[in-house]
Amino acid sequence: MPPSPPDPADTLDPVERLALVYADKSARPAWEALLLLQHRLADTARPGREPLMIQIRLAWWRDRLTEPAAKWPKGEPLLLRLHVWEPEAAALIGLVDGWEAAVVGEDGGGALATARIAAFEALARLVNAADGEAVRLVARQMIDPVLPVASVPRLSRKMRPLSVLRAFAVREQSGGASRSLTDFAVLMRVGLLGR
């Protein structure tokens, strides 16, 4: 019997897995699909790869995401998970475009940062979370942890993983992410309370 293909969820790091624990059950599939796609695109565009090959691989993702989900290849496990994203596929295409701009453009990653924030906003719409502006603020600080924030908004249970990811990014930026037991406790508190 041939070996089964690896589970895409194996690419999630421990902090992302912890963050997913705090997602509302109905929102978890959309969260997991977004995190997995971000890993796949980052791997596709990783440094050292030929820019033309990166563009070809990113074009494949863009082409798939512009098609109706019913036409997506069945053999790609990540596409199966992304079916839930069909109503907000434009945000995923934005991520693909952001990665392409980061690799071949000269914007310093600005388009990718904007696309990531837009993807989290799309996720909030997708899971019917009414967090709106709070999602944008928390996502901005997760992407740019040195960004000053007067107060951290509390996110709903559907968007709680974003709070955990932001807290980890801020702790890592400030050098606090080296104390794993303390970090775990802080991230659990953020997961429970939403900020």
N, C-alpha and C. Protein backbone atom coordinates (compact mmCIF):
# COMPACT_ATOMS: atom_id res chain seq x y z
N MET A 1 0.85 -1.18 0.00
CA MET A 1 0.00 0.00 0.00
C MET A 1 0.90 1.24 0.00
N PRO A 2 0.67 2.18 -0.94
CA PRO A 2 1.51 3.38 -0.99
C PRO A 2 1.26 4.26 0.24
N PRO A 3 2.29 4.98 0.66
CA PRO A 3 2.11 5.86 1.82
C PRO A 3 1.11 6.96 1.49
N SER A 4 0.33 7.34 2.49
CA SER A 4 -0.63 8.42 2.29
C SER A 4 0.11 9.75 2.27
N PRO A 5 -0.44 10.74 1.55
CA PRO A 5 0.23 12.04 1.50
C PRO A 5 0.26 12.67 2.88
N PRO A 6 1.26 13.48 3.15
CA PRO A 6 1.35 14.12 4.47
C PRO A 6 0.16 15.04 4.70
N ASP A 7 -0.25 15.11 5.94
CA ASP A 7 -1.36 15.98 6.33
C ASP A 7 -0.85 17.42 6.31
N PRO A 8 -1.53 18.31 5.56
CA PRO A 8 -1.07 19.71 5.53
C PRO A 8 -1.01 20.34 6.92
N ALA A 9 -1.84 19.88 7.84
CA ALA A 9 -1.85 20.46 9.18
C ALA A 9 -0.52 20.26 9.91
N ASP A 10 0.29 19.32 9.43
CA ASP A 10 1.59 19.08 10.05
C ASP A 10 2.53 20.27 9.87
N THR A 11 2.21 21.18 8.95
CA THR A 11 3.08 22.33 8.74
C THR A 11 2.83 23.46 9.74
N LEU A 12 1.75 23.37 10.50
CA LEU A 12 1.47 24.42 11.49
C LEU A 12 2.47 24.35 12.63
N ASP A 13 2.90 25.52 13.09
CA ASP A 13 3.84 25.52 14.22
C ASP A 13 3.05 25.41 15.52
N PRO A 14 3.74 25.12 16.64
CA PRO A 14 3.03 24.93 17.91
C PRO A 14 2.17 26.11 18.35
N VAL A 15 2.60 27.32 18.09
CA VAL A 15 1.81 28.49 18.49
C VAL A 15 0.52 28.54 17.67
N GLU A 16 0.61 28.23 16.38
CA GLU A 16 -0.60 28.22 15.55
C GLU A 16 -1.56 27.12 16.00
N ARG A 17 -1.02 25.97 16.36
CA ARG A 17 -1.88 24.89 16.86
C ARG A 17 -2.57 25.31 18.16
N LEU A 18 -1.83 25.97 19.03
CA LEU A 18 -2.42 26.46 20.27
C LEU A 18 -3.50 27.50 19.96
N ALA A 19 -3.22 28.40 19.03
CA ALA A 19 -4.19 29.43 18.67
C ALA A 19 -5.49 28.80 18.16
N LEU A 20 -5.37 27.75 17.37
CA LEU A 20 -6.56 27.09 16.82
C LEU A 20 -7.45 26.50 17.91
N VAL A 21 -6.85 26.11 19.03
CA VAL A 21 -7.63 25.55 20.13
C VAL A 21 -8.68 26.55 20.61
N TYR A 22 -8.36 27.83 20.54
CA TYR A 22 -9.25 28.86 21.06
C TYR A 22 -10.25 29.38 20.04
N ALA A 23 -10.22 28.83 18.83
CA ALA A 23 -11.21 29.23 17.82
C ALA A 23 -12.53 28.55 18.12
N ASP A 24 -13.59 29.27 17.88
CA ASP A 24 -14.92 28.68 17.94
C ASP A 24 -14.93 27.50 16.96
N LYS A 25 -15.61 26.43 17.35
CA LYS A 25 -15.61 25.21 16.54
C LYS A 25 -16.05 25.47 15.10
N SER A 26 -17.04 26.34 14.92
CA SER A 26 -17.53 26.63 13.57
C SER A 26 -16.51 27.41 12.74
N ALA A 27 -15.62 28.15 13.39
CA ALA A 27 -14.63 28.96 12.68
C ALA A 27 -13.31 28.23 12.44
N ARG A 28 -13.10 27.14 13.15
CA ARG A 28 -11.80 26.45 13.08
C ARG A 28 -11.38 26.01 11.67
N PRO A 29 -12.28 25.43 10.85
CA PRO A 29 -11.84 25.02 9.50
C PRO A 29 -11.34 26.19 8.65
N ALA A 30 -12.00 27.34 8.73
CA ALA A 30 -11.56 28.50 7.96
C ALA A 30 -10.22 29.01 8.47
N TRP A 31 -10.05 29.03 9.80
CA TRP A 31 -8.78 29.44 10.40
C TRP A 31 -7.65 28.52 9.94
N GLU A 32 -7.87 27.22 10.07
CA GLU A 32 -6.83 26.27 9.72
C GLU A 32 -6.45 26.40 8.24
N ALA A 33 -7.45 26.53 7.37
CA ALA A 33 -7.17 26.66 5.94
C ALA A 33 -6.33 27.90 5.64
N LEU A 34 -6.66 29.03 6.30
CA LEU A 34 -5.90 30.25 6.07
C LEU A 34 -4.45 30.09 6.54
N LEU A 35 -4.25 29.54 7.72
CA LEU A 35 -2.89 29.36 8.23
C LEU A 35 -2.09 28.42 7.33
N LEU A 36 -2.73 27.36 6.87
CA LEU A 36 -2.04 26.41 5.99
C LEU A 36 -1.68 27.05 4.66
N LEU A 37 -2.58 27.85 4.11
CA LEU A 37 -2.26 28.53 2.85
C LEU A 37 -1.10 29.50 3.04
N GLN A 38 -1.10 30.22 4.15
CA GLN A 38 0.01 31.14 4.39
C GLN A 38 1.35 30.39 4.44
N HIS A 39 1.35 29.22 5.08
CA HIS A 39 2.58 28.42 5.10
C HIS A 39 2.97 27.97 3.70
N ARG A 40 1.99 27.52 2.92
CA ARG A 40 2.29 27.04 1.57
C ARG A 40 2.85 28.15 0.71
N LEU A 41 2.25 29.33 0.78
CA LEU A 41 2.73 30.46 -0.02
C LEU A 41 4.11 30.91 0.44
N ALA A 42 4.35 30.93 1.73
CA ALA A 42 5.67 31.30 2.25
C ALA A 42 6.72 30.31 1.79
N ASP A 43 6.38 29.03 1.79
CA ASP A 43 7.31 28.00 1.32
C ASP A 43 7.56 28.16 -0.18
N THR A 44 6.52 28.45 -0.92
CA THR A 44 6.65 28.64 -2.37
C THR A 44 7.59 29.80 -2.67
N ALA A 45 7.51 30.86 -1.89
CA ALA A 45 8.29 32.07 -2.14
C ALA A 45 9.54 32.18 -1.28
N ARG A 46 9.98 31.07 -0.70
CA ARG A 46 11.11 31.15 0.22
C ARG A 46 12.39 31.60 -0.50
N PRO A 47 13.25 32.29 0.22
CA PRO A 47 14.50 32.79 -0.36
C PRO A 47 15.33 31.64 -0.93
N GLY A 48 16.01 31.94 -2.01
CA GLY A 48 16.88 30.95 -2.64
C GLY A 48 16.23 30.30 -3.85
N ARG A 49 14.93 30.40 -3.96
CA ARG A 49 14.25 29.85 -5.13
C ARG A 49 14.33 30.83 -6.28
N GLU A 50 14.35 30.29 -7.47
CA GLU A 50 14.38 31.09 -8.69
C GLU A 50 13.10 31.92 -8.79
N PRO A 51 13.18 33.24 -8.94
CA PRO A 51 11.98 34.08 -8.99
C PRO A 51 10.96 33.64 -10.05
N LEU A 52 11.43 33.19 -11.21
CA LEU A 52 10.50 32.75 -12.24
C LEU A 52 9.71 31.53 -11.78
N MET A 53 10.37 30.58 -11.10
CA MET A 53 9.68 29.40 -10.60
C MET A 53 8.67 29.79 -9.51
N ILE A 54 9.06 30.74 -8.69
CA ILE A 54 8.12 31.22 -7.66
C ILE A 54 6.88 31.80 -8.33
N GLN A 55 7.08 32.62 -9.35
CA GLN A 55 5.95 33.24 -10.04
C GLN A 55 5.05 32.19 -10.69
N ILE A 56 5.63 31.14 -11.26
CA ILE A 56 4.85 30.08 -11.89
C ILE A 56 4.01 29.36 -10.84
N ARG A 57 4.61 29.06 -9.69
CA ARG A 57 3.88 28.36 -8.64
C ARG A 57 2.79 29.24 -8.04
N LEU A 58 3.10 30.51 -7.85
CA LEU A 58 2.08 31.42 -7.33
C LEU A 58 0.95 31.61 -8.34
N ALA A 59 1.28 31.63 -9.64
CA ALA A 59 0.25 31.75 -10.68
C ALA A 59 -0.69 30.55 -10.63
N TRP A 60 -0.15 29.36 -10.32
CA TRP A 60 -1.01 28.18 -10.21
C TRP A 60 -2.05 28.39 -9.11
N TRP A 61 -1.59 28.90 -7.95
CA TRP A 61 -2.53 29.16 -6.85
C TRP A 61 -3.54 30.23 -7.23
N ARG A 62 -3.08 31.28 -7.89
CA ARG A 62 -3.99 32.36 -8.30
C ARG A 62 -5.05 31.80 -9.26
N ASP A 63 -4.61 30.98 -10.21
CA ASP A 63 -5.54 30.40 -11.18
C ASP A 63 -6.58 29.51 -10.48
N ARG A 64 -6.12 28.71 -9.54
CA ARG A 64 -7.08 27.83 -8.84
C ARG A 64 -8.09 28.67 -8.07
N LEU A 65 -7.63 29.67 -7.37
CA LEU A 65 -8.50 30.46 -6.50
C LEU A 65 -9.48 31.34 -7.28
N THR A 66 -9.20 31.59 -8.56
CA THR A 66 -10.14 32.36 -9.37
C THR A 66 -11.22 31.45 -9.96
N GLU A 67 -11.01 30.15 -9.96
CA GLU A 67 -12.00 29.20 -10.44
C GLU A 67 -13.03 28.90 -9.35
N PRO A 68 -14.21 28.42 -9.74
CA PRO A 68 -15.16 27.93 -8.72
C PRO A 68 -14.54 26.74 -8.00
N ALA A 69 -14.80 26.61 -6.73
CA ALA A 69 -14.21 25.53 -5.93
C ALA A 69 -14.54 24.15 -6.49
N ALA A 70 -15.67 24.01 -7.15
CA ALA A 70 -16.06 22.71 -7.72
C ALA A 70 -15.08 22.25 -8.79
N LYS A 71 -14.33 23.17 -9.38
CA LYS A 71 -13.36 22.82 -10.44
C LYS A 71 -11.95 22.58 -9.90
N TRP A 72 -11.74 22.79 -8.61
CA TRP A 72 -10.40 22.63 -8.05
C TRP A 72 -9.99 21.16 -8.10
N PRO A 73 -8.70 20.90 -8.34
CA PRO A 73 -8.22 19.51 -8.34
C PRO A 73 -8.47 18.84 -7.00
N LYS A 74 -8.94 17.61 -7.06
CA LYS A 74 -9.27 16.86 -5.83
C LYS A 74 -8.01 16.32 -5.14
N GLY A 75 -6.90 16.22 -5.87
CA GLY A 75 -5.69 15.63 -5.31
C GLY A 75 -4.87 16.55 -4.42
N GLU A 76 -5.24 17.81 -4.33
CA GLU A 76 -4.48 18.77 -3.51
C GLU A 76 -5.22 18.94 -2.18
N PRO A 77 -4.70 18.34 -1.09
CA PRO A 77 -5.40 18.39 0.20
C PRO A 77 -5.69 19.81 0.70
N LEU A 78 -4.81 20.75 0.41
CA LEU A 78 -5.04 22.11 0.89
C LEU A 78 -6.24 22.74 0.19
N LEU A 79 -6.40 22.46 -1.10
CA LEU A 79 -7.56 23.00 -1.80
C LEU A 79 -8.86 22.45 -1.21
N LEU A 80 -8.84 21.20 -0.79
CA LEU A 80 -10.04 20.63 -0.15
C LEU A 80 -10.39 21.42 1.11
N ARG A 81 -9.40 21.82 1.86
CA ARG A 81 -9.64 22.60 3.08
C ARG A 81 -10.07 24.03 2.77
N LEU A 82 -9.65 24.53 1.61
CA LEU A 82 -9.96 25.92 1.25
C LEU A 82 -11.38 26.10 0.68
N HIS A 83 -12.12 25.01 0.48
CA HIS A 83 -13.49 25.13 -0.03
C HIS A 83 -14.31 26.10 0.81
N VAL A 84 -14.11 26.08 2.10
CA VAL A 84 -14.86 26.96 3.00
C VAL A 84 -14.62 28.43 2.67
N TRP A 85 -13.50 28.73 2.03
CA TRP A 85 -13.12 30.10 1.71
C TRP A 85 -13.68 30.59 0.38
N GLU A 86 -14.42 29.77 -0.35
CA GLU A 86 -14.88 30.19 -1.67
C GLU A 86 -15.56 31.56 -1.68
N PRO A 87 -16.44 31.91 -0.72
CA PRO A 87 -17.06 33.24 -0.75
C PRO A 87 -16.07 34.39 -0.58
N GLU A 88 -14.92 34.13 0.00
CA GLU A 88 -13.92 35.18 0.24
C GLU A 88 -12.61 34.87 -0.49
N ALA A 89 -12.70 34.16 -1.60
CA ALA A 89 -11.49 33.76 -2.34
C ALA A 89 -10.66 34.96 -2.79
N ALA A 90 -11.30 36.10 -3.01
CA ALA A 90 -10.55 37.29 -3.44
C ALA A 90 -9.47 37.66 -2.43
N ALA A 91 -9.73 37.47 -1.14
CA ALA A 91 -8.73 37.78 -0.12
C ALA A 91 -7.54 36.83 -0.22
N LEU A 92 -7.81 35.57 -0.59
CA LEU A 92 -6.72 34.61 -0.75
C LEU A 92 -5.89 34.94 -1.99
N ILE A 93 -6.56 35.38 -3.03
CA ILE A 93 -5.84 35.82 -4.23
C ILE A 93 -4.95 37.01 -3.88
N GLY A 94 -5.44 37.88 -3.01
CA GLY A 94 -4.64 39.01 -2.55
C GLY A 94 -3.37 38.54 -1.85
N LEU A 95 -3.47 37.44 -1.08
CA LEU A 95 -2.27 36.89 -0.43
C LEU A 95 -1.26 36.42 -1.47
N VAL A 96 -1.75 35.74 -2.49
CA VAL A 96 -0.87 35.27 -3.57
C VAL A 96 -0.18 36.46 -4.22
N ASP A 97 -0.96 37.49 -4.53
CA ASP A 97 -0.39 38.69 -5.15
C ASP A 97 0.61 39.37 -4.21
N GLY A 98 0.30 39.37 -2.92
CA GLY A 98 1.21 39.97 -1.95
C GLY A 98 2.55 39.25 -1.90
N TRP A 99 2.50 37.92 -1.94
CA TRP A 99 3.76 37.17 -1.95
C TRP A 99 4.54 37.43 -3.23
N GLU A 100 3.83 37.53 -4.35
CA GLU A 100 4.52 37.81 -5.61
C GLU A 100 5.18 39.19 -5.55
N ALA A 101 4.47 40.17 -5.01
CA ALA A 101 5.05 41.51 -4.88
C ALA A 101 6.26 41.49 -3.97
N ALA A 102 6.22 40.68 -2.92
CA ALA A 102 7.35 40.61 -1.99
C ALA A 102 8.57 39.99 -2.64
N VAL A 103 8.34 39.06 -3.58
CA VAL A 103 9.46 38.37 -4.22
C VAL A 103 10.03 39.16 -5.39
N VAL A 104 9.16 39.68 -6.24
CA VAL A 104 9.65 40.34 -7.46
C VAL A 104 9.47 41.85 -7.43
N GLY A 105 8.75 42.36 -6.46
CA GLY A 105 8.51 43.80 -6.38
C GLY A 105 9.55 44.48 -5.52
N GLU A 106 9.36 45.76 -5.37
CA GLU A 106 10.29 46.55 -4.57
C GLU A 106 9.56 47.33 -3.48
N ASP A 107 8.44 46.77 -3.00
CA ASP A 107 7.64 47.49 -2.02
C ASP A 107 8.03 47.17 -0.58
N GLY A 108 9.03 46.32 -0.39
CA GLY A 108 9.49 46.00 0.95
C GLY A 108 8.52 45.17 1.76
N GLY A 109 7.60 44.50 1.10
CA GLY A 109 6.64 43.66 1.80
C GLY A 109 5.36 44.37 2.19
N GLY A 110 5.19 45.61 1.77
CA GLY A 110 3.99 46.36 2.11
C GLY A 110 2.72 45.73 1.55
N ALA A 111 2.77 45.26 0.31
CA ALA A 111 1.59 44.65 -0.31
C ALA A 111 1.23 43.35 0.42
N LEU A 112 2.22 42.61 0.84
CA LEU A 112 1.95 41.36 1.57
C LEU A 112 1.32 41.66 2.93
N ALA A 113 1.84 42.64 3.63
CA ALA A 113 1.26 43.00 4.93
C ALA A 113 -0.19 43.44 4.78
N THR A 114 -0.46 44.25 3.77
CA THR A 114 -1.83 44.70 3.51
C THR A 114 -2.73 43.51 3.18
N ALA A 115 -2.21 42.59 2.37
CA ALA A 115 -2.99 41.41 1.99
C ALA A 115 -3.27 40.50 3.19
N ARG A 116 -2.31 40.39 4.08
CA ARG A 116 -2.53 39.56 5.28
C ARG A 116 -3.61 40.16 6.17
N ILE A 117 -3.58 41.47 6.35
CA ILE A 117 -4.62 42.13 7.14
C ILE A 117 -5.99 41.93 6.47
N ALA A 118 -6.04 42.11 5.15
CA ALA A 118 -7.29 41.92 4.42
C ALA A 118 -7.79 40.48 4.55
N ALA A 119 -6.89 39.52 4.60
CA ALA A 119 -7.29 38.12 4.74
C ALA A 119 -7.93 37.88 6.11
N PHE A 120 -7.39 38.49 7.16
CA PHE A 120 -7.99 38.34 8.48
C PHE A 120 -9.36 39.03 8.55
N GLU A 121 -9.48 40.17 7.88
CA GLU A 121 -10.78 40.84 7.81
C GLU A 121 -11.79 39.97 7.06
N ALA A 122 -11.33 39.34 5.96
CA ALA A 122 -12.20 38.43 5.19
C ALA A 122 -12.59 37.23 6.04
N LEU A 123 -11.65 36.74 6.83
CA LEU A 123 -11.95 35.61 7.72
C LEU A 123 -13.05 36.00 8.71
N ALA A 124 -12.98 37.20 9.25
CA ALA A 124 -14.01 37.66 10.18
C ALA A 124 -15.37 37.69 9.50
N ARG A 125 -15.41 38.16 8.26
CA ARG A 125 -16.68 38.15 7.52
C ARG A 125 -17.15 36.73 7.26
N LEU A 126 -16.22 35.87 6.90
CA LEU A 126 -16.54 34.49 6.55
C LEU A 126 -17.17 33.75 7.72
N VAL A 127 -16.68 34.01 8.92
CA VAL A 127 -17.19 33.29 10.10
C VAL A 127 -18.23 34.10 10.86
N ASN A 128 -18.69 35.20 10.24
CA ASN A 128 -19.72 36.06 10.84
C ASN A 128 -19.32 36.61 12.20
N ALA A 129 -18.08 37.05 12.29
CA ALA A 129 -17.60 37.71 13.51
C ALA A 129 -17.76 39.21 13.30
N ALA A 130 -18.32 39.87 14.26
CA ALA A 130 -18.59 41.31 14.14
C ALA A 130 -17.46 42.14 14.74
N ASP A 131 -16.23 41.71 14.54
CA ASP A 131 -15.10 42.39 15.18
C ASP A 131 -14.55 43.55 14.36
N GLY A 132 -14.81 43.57 13.07
CA GLY A 132 -14.44 44.66 12.17
C GLY A 132 -13.11 45.34 12.44
N GLU A 133 -13.19 46.57 12.97
CA GLU A 133 -12.01 47.39 13.21
C GLU A 133 -11.04 46.73 14.18
N ALA A 134 -11.54 46.01 15.16
CA ALA A 134 -10.67 45.34 16.13
C ALA A 134 -9.78 44.31 15.43
N VAL A 135 -10.33 43.58 14.48
CA VAL A 135 -9.53 42.60 13.73
C VAL A 135 -8.40 43.29 12.99
N ARG A 136 -8.73 44.40 12.35
CA ARG A 136 -7.70 45.15 11.60
C ARG A 136 -6.57 45.61 12.53
N LEU A 137 -6.93 46.14 13.70
CA LEU A 137 -5.90 46.62 14.64
C LEU A 137 -5.04 45.49 15.17
N VAL A 138 -5.66 44.38 15.55
CA VAL A 138 -4.90 43.26 16.10
C VAL A 138 -4.03 42.63 15.01
N ALA A 139 -4.55 42.51 13.80
CA ALA A 139 -3.76 41.95 12.70
C ALA A 139 -2.57 42.85 12.37
N ARG A 140 -2.79 44.16 12.37
CA ARG A 140 -1.67 45.08 12.10
C ARG A 140 -0.57 44.92 13.13
N GLN A 141 -0.95 44.76 14.40
CA GLN A 141 0.08 44.62 15.41
C GLN A 141 0.73 43.24 15.36
N MET A 142 0.00 42.22 14.95
CA MET A 142 0.62 40.91 14.79
C MET A 142 1.69 40.95 13.69
N ILE A 143 1.38 41.64 12.61
CA ILE A 143 2.31 41.73 11.48
C ILE A 143 3.47 42.66 11.80
N ASP A 144 3.19 43.73 12.53
CA ASP A 144 4.23 44.70 12.91
C ASP A 144 4.18 44.89 14.42
N PRO A 145 4.82 43.96 15.17
CA PRO A 145 4.69 43.97 16.64
C PRO A 145 5.24 45.21 17.34
N VAL A 146 6.03 46.02 16.66
CA VAL A 146 6.53 47.23 17.31
C VAL A 146 5.54 48.39 17.16
N LEU A 147 4.47 48.17 16.43
CA LEU A 147 3.45 49.18 16.25
C LEU A 147 2.82 49.51 17.60
N PRO A 148 2.85 50.77 18.01
CA PRO A 148 2.25 51.10 19.31
C PRO A 148 0.72 51.01 19.25
N VAL A 149 0.15 50.43 20.29
CA VAL A 149 -1.30 50.29 20.40
C VAL A 149 -1.70 50.79 21.77
N ALA A 150 -2.65 51.72 21.81
CA ALA A 150 -3.09 52.28 23.09
C ALA A 150 -3.71 51.20 23.96
N SER A 151 -4.61 50.42 23.41
CA SER A 151 -5.18 49.29 24.14
C SER A 151 -5.49 48.19 23.13
N VAL A 152 -5.31 46.98 23.55
CA VAL A 152 -5.53 45.84 22.67
C VAL A 152 -7.02 45.47 22.72
N PRO A 153 -7.69 45.50 21.57
CA PRO A 153 -9.10 45.15 21.57
C PRO A 153 -9.32 43.67 21.89
N ARG A 154 -10.43 43.39 22.51
CA ARG A 154 -10.78 42.01 22.80
C ARG A 154 -11.56 41.46 21.61
N LEU A 155 -11.10 40.33 21.10
CA LEU A 155 -11.75 39.72 19.95
C LEU A 155 -12.72 38.63 20.38
N SER A 156 -13.72 38.41 19.55
CA SER A 156 -14.71 37.36 19.81
C SER A 156 -14.04 35.99 19.71
N ARG A 157 -14.76 35.00 20.18
CA ARG A 157 -14.24 33.62 20.18
C ARG A 157 -13.89 33.16 18.76
N LYS A 158 -14.65 33.61 17.78
CA LYS A 158 -14.39 33.21 16.40
C LYS A 158 -13.06 33.75 15.89
N MET A 159 -12.62 34.87 16.42
CA MET A 159 -11.37 35.49 15.98
C MET A 159 -10.27 35.40 17.04
N ARG A 160 -10.51 34.65 18.10
CA ARG A 160 -9.56 34.55 19.21
C ARG A 160 -8.16 34.09 18.79
N PRO A 161 -8.01 33.19 17.80
CA PRO A 161 -6.64 32.81 17.41
C PRO A 161 -5.77 34.00 17.02
N LEU A 162 -6.38 35.02 16.44
CA LEU A 162 -5.61 36.21 16.07
C LEU A 162 -5.03 36.89 17.29
N SER A 163 -5.76 36.91 18.39
CA SER A 163 -5.24 37.48 19.64
C SER A 163 -4.03 36.71 20.13
N VAL A 164 -4.10 35.39 20.04
CA VAL A 164 -2.98 34.54 20.48
C VAL A 164 -1.77 34.79 19.59
N LEU A 165 -1.97 34.83 18.28
CA LEU A 165 -0.85 35.05 17.35
C LEU A 165 -0.23 36.43 17.55
N ARG A 166 -1.06 37.44 17.83
CA ARG A 166 -0.55 38.79 18.09
C ARG A 166 0.27 38.81 19.37
N ALA A 167 -0.25 38.17 20.41
CA ALA A 167 0.47 38.15 21.68
C ALA A 167 1.83 37.48 21.53
N PHE A 168 1.88 36.40 20.77
CA PHE A 168 3.16 35.73 20.56
C PHE A 168 4.11 36.62 19.77
N ALA A 169 3.62 37.27 18.71
CA ALA A 169 4.49 38.14 17.90
C ALA A 169 5.05 39.29 18.74
N VAL A 170 4.23 39.88 19.60
CA VAL A 170 4.69 40.98 20.44
C VAL A 170 5.73 40.49 21.44
N ARG A 171 5.47 39.33 22.06
CA ARG A 171 6.45 38.78 23.02
C ARG A 171 7.76 38.42 22.32
N GLU A 172 7.66 37.84 21.15
CA GLU A 172 8.86 37.47 20.40
C GLU A 172 9.67 38.71 20.03
N GLN A 173 8.99 39.76 19.59
CA GLN A 173 9.66 41.00 19.22
C GLN A 173 10.38 41.63 20.42
N SER A 174 9.77 41.53 21.59
CA SER A 174 10.36 42.15 22.78
C SER A 174 11.37 41.23 23.47
N GLY A 175 11.63 40.07 22.88
CA GLY A 175 12.60 39.16 23.46
C GLY A 175 12.03 38.27 24.54
N GLY A 176 10.73 38.28 24.73
CA GLY A 176 10.11 37.48 25.77
C GLY A 176 9.72 36.09 25.34
N ALA A 177 9.91 35.76 24.07
CA ALA A 177 9.46 34.46 23.57
C ALA A 177 10.46 33.34 23.86
N SER A 178 11.47 33.60 24.66
CA SER A 178 12.45 32.55 24.94
C SER A 178 12.11 31.78 26.21
N ARG A 179 11.12 32.25 26.97
CA ARG A 179 10.72 31.55 28.20
C ARG A 179 9.46 30.75 27.89
N SER A 180 9.64 29.52 27.44
CA SER A 180 8.53 28.76 26.88
C SER A 180 7.38 28.53 27.85
N LEU A 181 7.65 28.23 29.12
CA LEU A 181 6.57 27.98 30.07
C LEU A 181 5.78 29.26 30.34
N THR A 182 6.47 30.37 30.51
CA THR A 182 5.81 31.65 30.72
C THR A 182 5.00 32.04 29.49
N ASP A 183 5.60 31.84 28.30
CA ASP A 183 4.90 32.14 27.06
C ASP A 183 3.62 31.34 26.94
N PHE A 184 3.71 30.06 27.25
CA PHE A 184 2.54 29.20 27.16
C PHE A 184 1.42 29.72 28.05
N ALA A 185 1.77 30.10 29.28
CA ALA A 185 0.77 30.63 30.21
C ALA A 185 0.17 31.94 29.70
N VAL A 186 1.00 32.81 29.17
CA VAL A 186 0.51 34.09 28.63
C VAL A 186 -0.42 33.83 27.45
N LEU A 187 -0.02 32.96 26.55
CA LEU A 187 -0.83 32.68 25.37
C LEU A 187 -2.15 32.02 25.75
N MET A 188 -2.12 31.16 26.77
CA MET A 188 -3.36 30.54 27.23
C MET A 188 -4.31 31.60 27.81
N ARG A 189 -3.76 32.53 28.57
CA ARG A 189 -4.58 33.60 29.13
C ARG A 189 -5.21 34.44 28.02
N VAL A 190 -4.41 34.78 27.02
CA VAL A 190 -4.93 35.56 25.89
C VAL A 190 -6.00 34.76 25.15
N GLY A 191 -5.75 33.46 24.97
CA GLY A 191 -6.74 32.62 24.31
C GLY A 191 -8.06 32.56 25.06
N LEU A 192 -7.98 32.52 26.37
CA LEU A 192 -9.20 32.46 27.18
C LEU A 192 -9.93 33.80 27.25
N LEU A 193 -9.17 34.88 27.38
CA LEU A 193 -9.79 36.19 27.61
C LEU A 193 -9.95 37.03 26.34
N GLY A 194 -9.21 36.67 25.29
CA GLY A 194 -9.33 37.41 24.04
C GLY A 194 -8.43 38.61 23.88
N ARG A 195 -7.57 38.87 24.86
CA ARG A 195 -6.57 39.94 24.73
C ARG A 195 -5.47 39.76 25.76
